[in-house]
N, C-alpha and C. Protein backbone atom coordinates (compact mmCIF):
# COMPACT_ATOMS: atom_id res chain seq x y z
N MET A 1 39.32 -56.81 16.27
CA MET A 1 38.15 -57.46 16.57
C MET A 1 37.12 -57.09 17.16
N ALA A 2 36.08 -56.59 16.78
CA ALA A 2 35.33 -55.55 18.06
C ALA A 2 34.17 -55.24 17.75
N THR A 3 33.19 -55.58 18.61
CA THR A 3 31.32 -55.70 18.49
C THR A 3 31.04 -53.70 19.13
N TYR A 4 30.12 -53.10 17.92
CA TYR A 4 29.72 -51.39 19.08
C TYR A 4 27.86 -52.48 19.17
N ILE A 5 27.48 -52.12 20.39
CA ILE A 5 25.93 -52.65 20.28
C ILE A 5 25.38 -51.26 19.66
N TYR A 6 24.77 -51.37 19.14
CA TYR A 6 23.75 -50.29 18.75
C TYR A 6 21.97 -50.45 18.15
N ASN A 7 21.21 -49.67 19.19
CA ASN A 7 19.90 -49.97 18.50
C ASN A 7 18.83 -51.48 18.92
N ASN A 8 20.31 -52.53 19.37
CA ASN A 8 19.61 -53.79 19.32
C ASN A 8 20.24 -54.43 19.09
N ALA A 9 20.80 -54.35 18.39
CA ALA A 9 21.40 -54.33 16.52
C ALA A 9 23.52 -54.87 16.89
N THR A 10 24.52 -55.79 17.09
CA THR A 10 25.82 -56.02 16.81
C THR A 10 26.93 -55.81 15.62
N ILE A 11 27.26 -54.89 16.10
CA ILE A 11 27.70 -54.27 14.92
C ILE A 11 29.42 -54.64 14.68
N TYR A 12 29.90 -55.72 13.83
CA TYR A 12 30.96 -56.38 13.78
C TYR A 12 31.77 -55.40 13.54
N TYR A 13 33.11 -54.87 13.96
CA TYR A 13 33.77 -54.08 12.87
C TYR A 13 35.46 -54.95 13.51
N GLU A 14 36.50 -54.63 12.69
CA GLU A 14 37.32 -54.93 12.57
C GLU A 14 38.92 -53.02 12.21
N VAL A 15 39.99 -52.94 13.17
CA VAL A 15 40.55 -52.35 12.74
C VAL A 15 41.89 -52.77 13.07
N HIS A 16 42.59 -51.97 11.71
CA HIS A 16 43.91 -52.13 11.04
C HIS A 16 45.11 -50.85 10.90
N GLY A 17 45.72 -50.95 11.74
CA GLY A 17 47.17 -49.59 11.66
C GLY A 17 47.08 -48.45 12.21
N CYS A 18 47.29 -47.58 11.83
CA CYS A 18 47.12 -46.32 13.03
C CYS A 18 47.28 -45.38 12.14
N GLY A 19 47.15 -43.96 12.77
CA GLY A 19 47.43 -42.25 12.24
C GLY A 19 45.23 -42.29 11.99
N LYS A 20 45.30 -41.42 10.60
CA LYS A 20 43.97 -40.60 10.56
C LYS A 20 43.30 -41.65 10.40
N PRO A 21 41.75 -41.43 10.67
CA PRO A 21 41.06 -42.92 10.49
C PRO A 21 39.93 -42.79 9.61
N VAL A 22 40.37 -43.62 8.74
CA VAL A 22 39.55 -44.19 7.65
C VAL A 22 37.98 -44.71 8.03
N LEU A 23 37.54 -44.82 7.09
CA LEU A 23 36.26 -45.98 8.05
C LEU A 23 35.68 -46.19 6.55
N LEU A 24 36.22 -48.29 6.23
CA LEU A 24 35.33 -48.40 5.22
C LEU A 24 34.39 -49.41 5.87
N ILE A 25 33.44 -49.06 4.16
CA ILE A 25 32.17 -49.87 4.14
C ILE A 25 31.76 -50.39 2.77
N HIS A 26 32.04 -52.28 3.22
CA HIS A 26 31.30 -52.87 2.11
C HIS A 26 29.90 -52.85 1.65
N GLY A 27 30.26 -52.74 0.34
CA GLY A 27 28.51 -52.84 -0.41
C GLY A 27 28.12 -54.48 0.06
N ALA A 28 26.75 -54.33 -0.89
CA ALA A 28 25.26 -55.47 -0.35
C ALA A 28 26.39 -56.64 -0.60
N CYS A 29 25.17 -57.61 0.03
CA CYS A 29 25.60 -59.45 -0.61
C CYS A 29 27.06 -59.95 -0.06
N ILE A 30 28.13 -59.05 0.53
CA ILE A 30 29.67 -59.04 1.05
C ILE A 30 30.18 -58.98 2.13
N ASP A 31 31.38 -59.53 3.28
CA ASP A 31 31.05 -58.46 4.38
C ASP A 31 32.74 -57.59 4.20
N HIS A 32 33.18 -57.18 5.76
CA HIS A 32 34.32 -57.40 5.48
C HIS A 32 35.28 -57.00 4.88
N HIS A 33 35.83 -59.11 5.09
CA HIS A 33 36.44 -59.82 4.53
C HIS A 33 36.52 -59.62 3.12
N PHE A 34 36.34 -59.66 1.97
CA PHE A 34 35.98 -58.62 0.96
C PHE A 34 37.08 -57.79 1.14
N LEU A 35 36.11 -56.93 1.73
CA LEU A 35 36.65 -55.19 1.46
C LEU A 35 38.17 -55.36 2.01
N THR A 36 38.83 -55.91 3.02
CA THR A 36 39.69 -55.79 3.44
C THR A 36 41.13 -56.16 2.77
N GLY A 37 40.11 -57.83 1.81
CA GLY A 37 41.06 -58.53 0.97
C GLY A 37 41.36 -57.02 -0.23
N CYS A 38 40.54 -56.34 -0.19
CA CYS A 38 41.09 -55.66 -1.77
C CYS A 38 41.48 -53.85 -1.00
N MET A 39 41.15 -54.40 -0.21
CA MET A 39 42.37 -52.46 0.13
C MET A 39 42.75 -52.50 1.53
N GLU A 40 43.26 -53.75 1.97
CA GLU A 40 44.69 -53.62 2.13
C GLU A 40 45.76 -53.54 1.59
N PRO A 41 45.94 -53.56 0.54
CA PRO A 41 47.49 -53.70 -0.26
C PRO A 41 46.87 -52.33 -1.26
N VAL A 42 46.12 -51.96 -1.05
CA VAL A 42 46.12 -50.06 -1.05
C VAL A 42 46.69 -49.41 0.42
N PHE A 43 46.59 -50.10 0.70
CA PHE A 43 47.14 -48.81 1.59
C PHE A 43 47.90 -50.19 2.82
N ALA A 44 49.23 -50.64 2.12
CA ALA A 44 50.55 -51.17 2.18
C ALA A 44 51.35 -50.72 3.03
N ASP A 45 51.49 -49.51 1.81
CA ASP A 45 52.82 -48.15 2.17
C ASP A 45 52.06 -47.84 2.50
N PHE A 46 51.20 -47.40 3.34
CA PHE A 46 50.37 -46.01 4.34
C PHE A 46 49.85 -47.29 5.87
N SER A 47 50.14 -48.33 6.03
CA SER A 47 49.03 -48.67 7.51
C SER A 47 50.28 -48.06 8.52
N ASP A 48 51.28 -47.19 8.63
CA ASP A 48 51.35 -45.83 9.81
C ASP A 48 50.53 -44.88 9.86
N CYS A 49 50.12 -44.90 8.21
CA CYS A 49 49.35 -43.13 8.51
C CYS A 49 48.19 -43.60 8.43
N PHE A 50 47.23 -44.54 8.43
CA PHE A 50 46.09 -44.37 8.69
C PHE A 50 45.42 -45.27 8.81
N LYS A 51 44.01 -45.27 10.23
CA LYS A 51 43.92 -46.49 10.81
C LYS A 51 41.93 -46.42 10.25
N ARG A 52 42.47 -48.02 9.55
CA ARG A 52 41.35 -48.01 9.01
C ARG A 52 40.57 -49.25 9.67
N TYR A 53 38.90 -48.71 9.78
CA TYR A 53 38.29 -49.55 10.51
C TYR A 53 37.11 -49.56 9.18
N TYR A 54 36.96 -51.94 9.61
CA TYR A 54 36.82 -52.68 8.15
C TYR A 54 34.99 -52.43 9.17
N ILE A 55 33.97 -52.86 9.34
CA ILE A 55 32.88 -52.83 9.19
C ILE A 55 31.51 -53.63 8.90
N ASP A 56 30.89 -54.47 9.08
CA ASP A 56 29.35 -55.90 8.93
C ASP A 56 28.25 -55.12 8.77
N LEU A 57 28.44 -54.72 8.08
CA LEU A 57 26.56 -53.96 8.14
C LEU A 57 25.77 -54.57 8.53
N PRO A 58 24.45 -54.79 9.35
CA PRO A 58 24.18 -54.84 9.38
C PRO A 58 23.06 -55.66 9.13
N GLY A 59 22.58 -57.40 9.17
CA GLY A 59 22.56 -57.79 8.82
C GLY A 59 23.34 -59.17 8.13
N MET A 60 25.01 -58.58 7.93
CA MET A 60 26.19 -58.84 6.44
C MET A 60 26.67 -59.71 8.60
N GLY A 61 27.78 -60.44 7.28
CA GLY A 61 28.11 -60.88 8.36
C GLY A 61 28.84 -61.23 9.33
N GLN A 62 29.61 -60.58 9.97
CA GLN A 62 29.37 -61.11 11.82
C GLN A 62 28.25 -59.43 12.63
N SER A 63 27.81 -58.97 12.04
CA SER A 63 26.90 -57.82 13.01
C SER A 63 25.94 -58.45 12.53
N THR A 64 24.56 -58.66 13.29
CA THR A 64 23.24 -58.71 13.39
C THR A 64 22.32 -58.30 13.26
N SER A 65 21.55 -58.53 12.06
CA SER A 65 19.75 -57.49 11.44
C SER A 65 19.08 -57.35 12.36
N SER A 66 19.29 -56.75 13.35
CA SER A 66 17.39 -56.21 14.68
C SER A 66 17.30 -54.95 14.09
N LEU A 67 18.76 -54.31 14.02
CA LEU A 67 17.99 -52.89 13.27
C LEU A 67 17.30 -52.98 12.34
N ILE A 68 17.73 -54.00 11.13
CA ILE A 68 17.09 -54.01 10.13
C ILE A 68 15.64 -54.02 9.61
N ARG A 69 15.40 -54.86 11.05
CA ARG A 69 14.02 -56.47 10.98
C ARG A 69 13.30 -54.20 12.02
N ILE A 70 13.82 -53.81 12.58
CA ILE A 70 13.04 -52.66 13.14
C ILE A 70 12.93 -52.27 12.29
N THR A 71 13.46 -51.65 11.39
CA THR A 71 13.63 -50.32 9.85
C THR A 71 12.38 -51.32 9.23
N LEU A 72 12.17 -52.25 8.54
CA LEU A 72 11.47 -52.28 7.81
C LEU A 72 10.10 -53.23 8.25
N LEU A 73 9.47 -53.10 9.51
CA LEU A 73 8.60 -53.04 10.53
C LEU A 73 7.55 -51.78 10.27
N GLN A 74 8.80 -51.30 10.44
CA GLN A 74 7.87 -49.39 10.89
C GLN A 74 8.51 -49.52 9.78
N ARG A 75 8.26 -49.47 8.32
CA ARG A 75 8.21 -49.11 7.39
C ARG A 75 6.75 -49.54 6.69
N ARG A 76 6.43 -50.91 7.85
CA ARG A 76 5.22 -52.09 7.19
C ARG A 76 4.33 -51.24 7.93
N THR A 77 4.23 -50.65 8.43
CA THR A 77 2.81 -49.68 9.43
C THR A 77 1.90 -48.99 8.38
N PRO A 78 1.27 -49.27 8.08
CA PRO A 78 0.10 -48.86 7.06
C PRO A 78 0.36 -47.38 7.68
N THR A 79 -0.22 -46.97 6.81
CA THR A 79 0.10 -44.77 6.48
C THR A 79 -1.86 -44.38 6.52
N PRO A 80 -2.57 -43.46 7.69
CA PRO A 80 -3.58 -43.68 6.93
C PRO A 80 -4.09 -42.59 6.01
N ARG A 81 -5.22 -42.86 4.98
CA ARG A 81 -5.51 -42.70 4.25
C ARG A 81 -6.86 -41.26 4.37
């Protein structure tokens, strides 16, 4: 259970196991809890082989969404014609 701050957004992540690093990224409208529940049974026999990083994408789960707001604001800037 840790956080990483990037561009004014706090990214939440959890680490399970040890060994080679594997980054697991969830899809839309869910968070790391869902992915952890799905994937940890798959890694049960290999927990000493792989260090799994489960992250919450910006604006989802326990991560903040300031990174998304910045991106959306930049896209709303009108382009000159």
